[in-house]
PDB file of N, CA and C in Angstrom:
ATOM      1  N   MET A   1     143.352 158.490  97.758  1.00  0.00           N
ATOM      2  CA  MET A   1     144.339 157.926  97.231  1.00  0.00           C
ATOM      3  C   MET A   1     145.225 158.242  96.331  1.00  0.00           C
ATOM      4  N   ALA A   2     146.131 157.989  96.062  1.00  0.00           N
ATOM      5  CA  ALA A   2     147.382 159.313  94.994  1.00  0.00           C
ATOM      6  C   ALA A   2     146.909 159.430  94.014  1.00  0.00           C
ATOM      7  N   ASN A   3     146.853 160.490  93.681  1.00  0.00           N
ATOM      8  CA  ASN A   3     146.994 160.824  92.294  1.00  0.00           C
ATOM      9  C   ASN A   3     148.022 160.702  91.041  1.00  0.00           C
ATOM     10  N   ILE A   4     148.939 160.804  91.137  1.00  0.00           N
ATOM     11  CA  ILE A   4     150.120 160.626  90.741  1.00  0.00           C
ATOM     12  C   ILE A   4     150.316 159.113  90.313  1.00  0.00           C
ATOM     13  N   LYS A   5     151.021 158.985  89.114  1.00  0.00           N
ATOM     14  CA  LYS A   5     150.832 156.894  88.996  1.00  0.00           C
ATOM     15  C   LYS A   5     152.373 156.607  89.412  1.00  0.00           C
ATOM     16  N   SER A   6     153.114 157.445  89.737  1.00  0.00           N
ATOM     17  CA  SER A   6     154.374 156.757  90.429  1.00  0.00           C
ATOM     18  C   SER A   6     153.584 156.019  92.281  1.00  0.00           C
ATOM     19  N   ALA A   7     153.099 157.262  92.677  1.00  0.00           N
ATOM     20  CA  ALA A   7     152.769 157.172  93.865  1.00  0.00           C
ATOM     21  C   ALA A   7     151.517 155.686  94.048  1.00  0.00           C
ATOM     22  N   GLN A   8     150.841 155.710  92.667  1.00  0.00           N
ATOM     23  CA  GLN A   8     149.614 154.869  92.791  1.00  0.00           C
ATOM     24  C   GLN A   8     150.255 153.036  92.496  1.00  0.00           C
ATOM     25  N   LYS A   9     151.801 153.402  92.493  1.00  0.00           N
ATOM     26  CA  LYS A   9     152.118 152.265  91.592  1.00  0.00           C
ATOM     27  C   LYS A   9     153.023 151.792  93.208  1.00  0.00           C
ATOM     28  N   ARG A  10     153.596 152.859  93.546  1.00  0.00           N
ATOM     29  CA  ARG A  10     154.523 152.917  95.013  1.00  0.00           C
ATOM     30  C   ARG A  10     153.317 151.685  95.746  1.00  0.00           C
ATOM     31  N   ILE A  11     152.220 152.496  95.847  1.00  0.00           N
ATOM     32  CA  ILE A  11     150.820 151.825  96.930  1.00  0.00           C
ATOM     33  C   ILE A  11     150.848 150.497  96.603  1.00  0.00           C
ATOM     34  N   LYS A  12     150.431 149.607  95.699  1.00  0.00           N
ATOM     35  CA  LYS A  12     150.136 148.079  95.142  1.00  0.00           C
ATOM     36  C   LYS A  12     151.671 147.810  95.344  1.00  0.00           C
ATOM     37  N   VAL A  13     152.777 148.077  94.781  1.00  0.00           N
ATOM     38  CA  VAL A  13     154.180 147.327  94.652  1.00  0.00           C
ATOM     39  C   VAL A  13     153.704 147.299  96.687  1.00  0.00           C
ATOM     40  N   ASN A  14     153.703 148.180  97.932  1.00  0.00           N
ATOM     41  CA  ASN A  14     154.006 147.954  98.726  1.00  0.00           C
ATOM     42  C   ASN A  14     153.210 146.669  99.576  1.00  0.00           C
ATOM     43  N   ALA A  15     151.561 146.741  98.849  1.00  0.00           N
ATOM     44  CA  ALA A  15     150.870 146.331  99.115  1.00  0.00           C
ATOM     45  C   ALA A  15     150.918 144.473  99.416  1.00  0.00           C
ATOM     46  N   LYS A  16     151.882 144.852  97.974  1.00  0.00           N
ATOM     47  CA  LYS A  16     152.037 142.787  97.628  1.00  0.00           C
ATOM     48  C   LYS A  16     153.197 142.958  98.745  1.00  0.00           C
ATOM     49  N   LYS A  17     154.463 143.773  98.831  1.00  0.00           N
ATOM     50  CA  LYS A  17     155.395 143.110  99.474  1.00  0.00           C
ATOM     51  C   LYS A  17     154.895 143.110 101.264  1.00  0.00           C
ATOM     52  N   ALA A  18     153.793 143.432 101.514  1.00  0.00           N
ATOM     53  CA  ALA A  18     153.478 143.287 102.634  1.00  0.00           C
ATOM     54  C   ALA A  18     152.853 142.456 103.180  1.00  0.00           C
ATOM     55  N   ALA A  19     151.997 142.152 102.082  1.00  0.00           N
ATOM     56  CA  ALA A  19     151.333 140.258 102.006  1.00  0.00           C
ATOM     57  C   ALA A  19     152.599 139.118 102.118  1.00  0.00           C
ATOM     58  N   THR A  20     153.580 139.612 100.875  1.00  0.00           N
ATOM     59  CA  THR A  20     154.399 138.683 101.314  1.00  0.00           C
ATOM     60  C   THR A  20     155.635 138.455 102.493  1.00  0.00           C
ATOM     61  N   ASN A  21     155.844 139.337 102.855  1.00  0.00           N
ATOM     62  CA  ASN A  21     156.407 139.673 104.190  1.00  0.00           C
ATOM     63  C   ASN A  21     155.194 139.086 105.582  1.00  0.00           C
ATOM     64  N   LYS A  22     153.804 139.278 105.187  1.00  0.00           N
ATOM     65  CA  LYS A  22     153.159 138.930 106.145  1.00  0.00           C
ATOM     66  C   LYS A  22     152.902 137.134 106.351  1.00  0.00           C
ATOM     67  N   ALA A  23     153.206 136.734 105.130  1.00  0.00           N
ATOM     68  CA  ALA A  23     152.865 135.035 104.743  1.00  0.00           C
ATOM     69  C   ALA A  23     153.862 134.212 105.389  1.00  0.00           C
ATOM     70  N   ASN A  24     155.260 135.239 104.922  1.00  0.00           N
ATOM     71  CA  ASN A  24     156.005 134.452 105.466  1.00  0.00           C
ATOM     72  C   ASN A  24     156.449 134.274 107.353  1.00  0.00           C
ATOM     73  N   LYS A  25     156.389 135.470 107.510  1.00  0.00           N
ATOM     74  CA  LYS A  25     156.374 135.675 108.726  1.00  0.00           C
ATOM     75  C   LYS A  25     155.599 134.373 109.636  1.00  0.00           C
ATOM     76  N   SER A  26     154.349 134.314 108.787  1.00  0.00           N
ATOM     77  CA  SER A  26     153.387 133.175 109.350  1.00  0.00           C
ATOM     78  C   SER A  26     153.806 131.667 109.480  1.00  0.00           C
ATOM     79  N   GLU A  27     154.615 131.608 108.465  1.00  0.00           N
ATOM     80  CA  GLU A  27     154.979 130.757 107.626  1.00  0.00           C
ATOM     81  C   GLU A  27     155.832 129.998 109.110  1.00  0.00           C
ATOM     82  N   LEU A  28     156.525 131.498 109.456  1.00  0.00           N
ATOM     83  CA  LEU A  28     157.978 131.295 110.190  1.00  0.00           C
ATOM     84  C   LEU A  28     157.759 131.095 111.728  1.00  0.00           C
ATOM     85  N   LYS A  29     156.322 131.424 111.758  1.00  0.00           N
ATOM     86  CA  LYS A  29     155.777 130.894 113.228  1.00  0.00           C
ATOM     87  C   LYS A  29     155.811 129.618 113.481  1.00  0.00           C
ATOM     88  N   THR A  30     155.208 129.071 112.557  1.00  0.00           N
ATOM     89  CA  THR A  30     153.876 128.199 112.707  1.00  0.00           C
ATOM     90  C   THR A  30     155.399 127.316 113.046  1.00  0.00           C
ATOM     91  N   VAL A  31     156.690 127.012 112.234  1.00  0.00           N
ATOM     92  CA  VAL A  31     157.478 126.539 112.045  1.00  0.00           C
ATOM     93  C   VAL A  31     158.214 126.140 113.543  1.00  0.00           C
ATOM     94  N   LEU A  32     158.679 127.239 114.073  1.00  0.00           N
ATOM     95  CA  LEU A  32     159.376 127.568 115.423  1.00  0.00           C
ATOM     96  C   LEU A  32     158.171 127.375 116.127  1.00  0.00           C
ATOM     97  N   LYS A  33     157.175 127.156 116.548  1.00  0.00           N
ATOM     98  CA  LYS A  33     156.223 126.205 117.433  1.00  0.00           C
ATOM     99  C   LYS A  33     155.769 125.306 116.918  1.00  0.00           C
ATOM    100  N   LYS A  34     156.434 124.530 116.106  1.00  0.00           N
ATOM    101  CA  LYS A  34     156.664 123.048 115.905  1.00  0.00           C
ATOM    102  C   LYS A  34     157.599 122.456 116.481  1.00  0.00           C
ATOM    103  N   PHE A  35     158.675 123.556 116.344  1.00  0.00           N
ATOM    104  CA  PHE A  35     159.949 122.924 117.343  1.00  0.00           C
ATOM    105  C   PHE A  35     159.954 122.764 118.471  1.00  0.00           C
ATOM    106  N   ASN A  36     158.783 124.075 119.238  1.00  0.00           N
ATOM    107  CA  ASN A  36     159.353 124.096 120.286  1.00  0.00           C
ATOM    108  C   ASN A  36     157.898 122.824 120.771  1.00  0.00           C
ATOM    109  N   GLU A  37     157.192 122.584 120.503  1.00  0.00           N
ATOM    110  CA  GLU A  37     155.995 121.154 120.628  1.00  0.00           C
ATOM    111  C   GLU A  37     156.759 120.308 120.568  1.00  0.00           C
ATOM    112  N   ALA A  38     157.779 119.872 119.627  1.00  0.00           N
ATOM    113  CA  ALA A  38     158.524 118.760 119.794  1.00  0.00           C
ATOM    114  C   ALA A  38     159.435 118.674 121.069  1.00  0.00           C
ATOM    115  N   VAL A  39     160.006 119.782 121.404  1.00  0.00           N
ATOM    116  CA  VAL A  39     161.949 119.967 122.550  1.00  0.00           C
ATOM    117  C   VAL A  39     160.357 119.160 123.818  1.00  0.00           C
ATOM    118  N   ASP A  40     158.775 119.778 124.092  1.00  0.00           N
ATOM    119  CA  ASP A  40     158.348 120.494 124.718  1.00  0.00           C
ATOM    120  C   ASP A  40     157.894 118.473 125.329  1.00  0.00           C
ATOM    121  N   SER A  41     157.578 117.902 123.989  1.00  0.00           N
ATOM    122  CA  SER A  41     157.129 117.197 124.045  1.00  0.00           C
ATOM    123  C   SER A  41     158.496 115.407 124.358  1.00  0.00           C
ATOM    124  N   GLY A  42     159.363 116.067 124.046  1.00  0.00           N
ATOM    125  CA  GLY A  42     161.081 114.784 124.492  1.00  0.00           C
ATOM    126  C   GLY A  42     161.450 114.112 122.917  1.00  0.00           C
ATOM    127  N   ASP A  43     160.629 114.950 121.930  1.00  0.00           N
ATOM    128  CA  ASP A  43     160.981 113.680 121.037  1.00  0.00           C
ATOM    129  C   ASP A  43     161.901 113.716 120.276  1.00  0.00           C
ATOM    130  N   LYS A  44     163.158 113.342 120.465  1.00  0.00           N
ATOM    131  CA  LYS A  44     164.796 114.244 120.052  1.00  0.00           C
ATOM    132  C   LYS A  44     164.806 114.318 118.526  1.00  0.00           C
ATOM    133  N   ALA A  45     164.405 113.165 117.869  1.00  0.00           N
ATOM    134  CA  ALA A  45     164.267 112.939 116.420  1.00  0.00           C
ATOM    135  C   ALA A  45     163.246 114.143 116.025  1.00  0.00           C
ATOM    136  N   LEU A  46     162.178 113.966 116.574  1.00  0.00           N
ATOM    137  CA  LEU A  46     160.686 115.086 115.592  1.00  0.00           C
ATOM    138  C   LEU A  46     161.601 116.598 115.993  1.00  0.00           C
ATOM    139  N   ALA A  47     162.323 117.243 117.304  1.00  0.00           N
ATOM    140  CA  ALA A  47     162.623 117.719 117.036  1.00  0.00           C
ATOM    141  C   ALA A  47     163.995 118.563 115.982  1.00  0.00           C
ATOM    142  N   GLN A  48     164.914 117.304 116.068  1.00  0.00           N
ATOM    143  CA  GLN A  48     165.986 117.811 114.895  1.00  0.00           C
ATOM    144  C   GLN A  48     165.732 117.813 113.964  1.00  0.00           C
ATOM    145  N   GLU A  49     164.361 117.161 113.530  1.00  0.00           N
ATOM    146  CA  GLU A  49     163.692 117.628 111.806  1.00  0.00           C
ATOM    147  C   GLU A  49     163.449 118.771 111.711  1.00  0.00           C
ATOM    148  N   ASN A  50     162.751 119.620 112.699  1.00  0.00           N
ATOM    149  CA  ASN A  50     161.766 120.478 112.466  1.00  0.00           C
ATOM    150  C   ASN A  50     163.332 121.762 113.062  1.00  0.00           C
ATOM    151  N   PHE A  51     164.200 120.791 114.421  1.00  0.00           N
ATOM    152  CA  PHE A  51     165.223 122.306 113.559  1.00  0.00           C
ATOM    153  C   PHE A  51     165.667 122.733 112.519  1.00  0.00           C
ATOM    154  N   VAL A  52     166.315 121.469 111.467  1.00  0.00           N
ATOM    155  CA  VAL A  52     166.773 121.917 110.311  1.00  0.00           C
ATOM    156  C   VAL A  52     165.889 122.549 109.535  1.00  0.00           C
ATOM    157  N   LEU A  53     164.373 122.501 110.077  1.00  0.00           N
ATOM    158  CA  LEU A  53     163.243 123.284 109.164  1.00  0.00           C
ATOM    159  C   LEU A  53     163.496 124.610 109.512  1.00  0.00           C
ATOM    160  N   ALA A  54     163.593 124.457 110.687  1.00  0.00           N
ATOM    161  CA  ALA A  54     163.169 125.886 111.396  1.00  0.00           C
ATOM    162  C   ALA A  54     164.743 126.913 110.864  1.00  0.00           C
ATOM    163  N   GLU A  55     165.830 126.305 110.965  1.00  0.00           N
ATOM    164  CA  GLU A  55     166.847 126.898 110.356  1.00  0.00           C
ATOM    165  C   GLU A  55     166.600 127.507 109.091  1.00  0.00           C
ATOM    166  N   LYS A  56     166.295 126.035 108.443  1.00  0.00           N
ATOM    167  CA  LYS A  56     166.037 127.147 106.203  1.00  0.00           C
ATOM    168  C   LYS A  56     165.261 128.305 106.960  1.00  0.00           C
ATOM    169  N   THR A  57     164.316 128.053 107.029  1.00  0.00           N
ATOM    170  CA  THR A  57     163.458 129.142 106.918  1.00  0.00           C
ATOM    171  C   THR A  57     163.451 130.346 107.644  1.00  0.00           C
ATOM    172  N   LEU A  58     164.395 130.777 109.079  1.00  0.00           N
ATOM    173  CA  LEU A  58     164.861 131.183 109.717  1.00  0.00           C
ATOM    174  C   LEU A  58     166.093 131.935 108.404  1.00  0.00           C
ATOM    175  N   ASP A  59     166.465 131.190 107.236  1.00  0.00           N
ATOM    176  CA  ASP A  59     167.700 131.693 106.644  1.00  0.00           C
ATOM    177  C   ASP A  59     167.229 131.555 105.609  1.00  0.00           C
ATOM    178  N   GLN A  60     165.990 132.089 104.597  1.00  0.00           N
ATOM    179  CA  GLN A  60     165.363 132.140 103.782  1.00  0.00           C
ATOM    180  C   GLN A  60     164.877 133.484 104.158  1.00  0.00           C
ATOM    181  N   ASN A  61     164.112 133.751 105.064  1.00  0.00           N
ATOM    182  CA  ASN A  61     163.430 135.228 105.501  1.00  0.00           C
ATOM    183  C   ASN A  61     164.793 135.958 105.485  1.00  0.00           C
ATOM    184  N   ALA A  62     165.573 135.820 106.256  1.00  0.00           N
ATOM    185  CA  ALA A  62     166.865 137.324 106.682  1.00  0.00           C
ATOM    186  C   ALA A  62     167.226 137.324 105.089  1.00  0.00           C
ATOM    187  N   SER A  63     166.990 136.308 104.409  1.00  0.00           N
ATOM    188  CA  SER A  63     168.277 136.475 103.236  1.00  0.00           C
ATOM    189  C   SER A  63     167.228 137.781 102.064  1.00  0.00           C
ATOM    190  N   LYS A  64     165.897 137.311 102.517  1.00  0.00           N
ATOM    191  CA  LYS A  64     164.584 138.174 102.128  1.00  0.00           C
ATOM    192  C   LYS A  64     164.504 139.162 102.285  1.00  0.00           C
ATOM    193  N   GLY A  65     164.931 139.889 103.877  1.00  0.00           N
ATOM    194  CA  GLY A  65     165.296 140.870 104.215  1.00  0.00           C
ATOM    195  C   GLY A  65     163.804 140.816 105.171  1.00  0.00           C
ATOM    196  N   THR A  66     162.402 139.777 105.384  1.00  0.00           N
ATOM    197  CA  THR A  66     161.708 139.594 106.234  1.00  0.00           C
ATOM    198  C   THR A  66     161.834 139.709 107.662  1.00  0.00           C
ATOM    199  N   ILE A  67     163.676 139.155 108.179  1.00  0.00           N
ATOM    200  CA  ILE A  67     164.024 139.551 108.805  1.00  0.00           C
ATOM    201  C   ILE A  67     164.953 140.084 109.384  1.00  0.00           C
ATOM    202  N   HIS A  68     165.852 140.787 110.190  1.00  0.00           N
ATOM    203  CA  HIS A  68     167.294 140.879 110.246  1.00  0.00           C
ATOM    204  C   HIS A  68     168.383 139.842 110.145  1.00  0.00           C
ATOM    205  N   LYS A  69     169.183 140.164 109.863  1.00  0.00           N
ATOM    206  CA  LYS A  69     170.177 138.419 109.319  1.00  0.00           C
ATOM    207  C   LYS A  69     170.542 138.675 110.931  1.00  0.00           C
ATOM    208  N   SER A  70     170.952 139.561 111.612  1.00  0.00           N
ATOM    209  CA  SER A  70     170.974 139.018 112.893  1.00  0.00           C
ATOM    210  C   SER A  70     170.441 138.447 113.763  1.00  0.00           C
ATOM    211  N   ALA A  71     169.428 138.445 113.800  1.00  0.00           N
ATOM    212  CA  ALA A  71     167.793 138.269 114.666  1.00  0.00           C
ATOM    213  C   ALA A  71     167.608 136.711 114.181  1.00  0.00           C
ATOM    214  N   ALA A  72     168.334 136.136 112.961  1.00  0.00           N
ATOM    215  CA  ALA A  72     168.057 134.863 112.090  1.00  0.00           C
ATOM    216  C   ALA A  72     168.760 134.449 113.293  1.00  0.00           C
ATOM    217  N   ALA A  73     170.049 134.796 113.266  1.00  0.00           N
ATOM    218  CA  ALA A  73     171.598 133.823 113.765  1.00  0.00           C
ATOM    219  C   ALA A  73     171.184 134.245 115.280  1.00  0.00           C
ATOM    220  N   ARG A  74     170.577 135.066 115.535  1.00  0.00           N
ATOM    221  CA  ARG A  74     170.028 135.065 116.834  1.00  0.00           C
ATOM    222  C   ARG A  74     169.091 133.536 117.650  1.00  0.00           C
ATOM    223  N   LYS A  75     168.127 133.827 116.501  1.00  0.00           N
ATOM    224  CA  LYS A  75     167.170 132.616 117.309  1.00  0.00           C
ATOM    225  C   LYS A  75     167.604 131.740 116.845  1.00  0.00           C
ATOM    226  N   THR A  76     168.539 131.585 115.737  1.00  0.00           N
ATOM    227  CA  THR A  76     169.178 130.148 115.338  1.00  0.00           C
ATOM    228  C   THR A  76     170.237 128.797 116.903  1.00  0.00           C
ATOM    229  N   SER A  77     170.509 130.405 117.091  1.00  0.00           N
ATOM    230  CA  SER A  77     171.457 130.034 117.976  1.00  0.00           C
ATOM    231  C   SER A  77     170.613 129.392 119.550  1.00  0.00           C
ATOM    232  N   ARG A  78     169.649 130.020 119.334  1.00  0.00           N
ATOM    233  CA  ARG A  78     168.750 129.629 121.143  1.00  0.00           C
ATOM    234  C   ARG A  78     168.443 128.528 120.453  1.00  0.00           C
ATOM    235  N   LEU A  79     167.484 127.880 119.499  1.00  0.00           N
ATOM    236  CA  LEU A  79     166.778 126.661 118.697  1.00  0.00           C
ATOM    237  C   LEU A  79     168.283 125.907 119.561  1.00  0.00           C
ATOM    238  N   ALA A  80     169.452 125.579 118.890  1.00  0.00           N
ATOM    239  CA  ALA A  80     170.425 124.648 118.811  1.00  0.00           C
ATOM    240  C   ALA A  80     170.548 124.219 120.623  1.00  0.00           C
ATOM    241  N   LYS A  81     171.000 125.689 120.844  1.00  0.00           N
ATOM    242  CA  LYS A  81     171.201 125.618 123.003  1.00  0.00           C
ATOM    243  C   LYS A  81     170.037 124.443 123.047  1.00  0.00           C
ATOM    244  N   LYS A  82     168.504 125.094 122.608  1.00  0.00           N
ATOM    245  CA  LYS A  82     167.487 124.244 123.283  1.00  0.00           C
ATOM    246  C   LYS A  82     167.535 122.936 122.982  1.00  0.00           C
ATOM    247  N   LEU A  83     167.717 122.514 121.837  1.00  0.00           N
ATOM    248  CA  LEU A  83     167.975 121.146 121.321  1.00  0.00           C
ATOM    249  C   LEU A  83     169.209 120.379 122.078  1.00  0.00           C
ATOM    250  N   ASN A  84     170.217 120.617 121.679  1.00  0.00           N
ATOM    251  CA  ASN A  84     171.060 120.350 123.127  1.00  0.00           C
ATOM    252  C   ASN A  84     171.231 120.296 124.311  1.00  0.00           C
ATOM    253  N   LYS A  85     170.079 120.823 124.555  1.00  0.00           N
ATOM    254  CA  LYS A  85     170.215 120.760 126.316  1.00  0.00           C
ATOM    255  C   LYS A  85     168.922 119.393 125.960  1.00  0.00           C
ATOM    256  N   MET A  86     168.524 119.163 125.437  1.00  0.00           N
ATOM    257  CA  MET A  86     167.595 117.656 125.073  1.00  0.00           C
ATOM    258  C   MET A  86     168.428 116.654 125.823  1.00  0.00           C
ATOM    259  N   ALA A  87     169.400 116.390 124.998  1.00  0.00           N
ATOM    260  CA  ALA A  87     170.496 115.262 125.169  1.00  0.00           C
ATOM    261  C   ALA A  87     171.028 114.606 126.234  1.00  0.00           C
TER     262      ALA A  87
END
């Protein structure tokens, strides 16, 4: 354990941020999984609905810095490509 007060605070802050990032990434994975399941089942309406949610979640995570903005854009593009292949 750190002896200096500022170091102790950094440990607490880093732990809190790590927990938040973990929760956000977990939510993102769940949303992407639901989208992929909808695409695999062939349900266009459900896939479209899940795509909107996935895009929103990706953008939110990118703005918070949980994932890089280019990674979010790349994933969104790939999801859109998958969705358009269904038509």
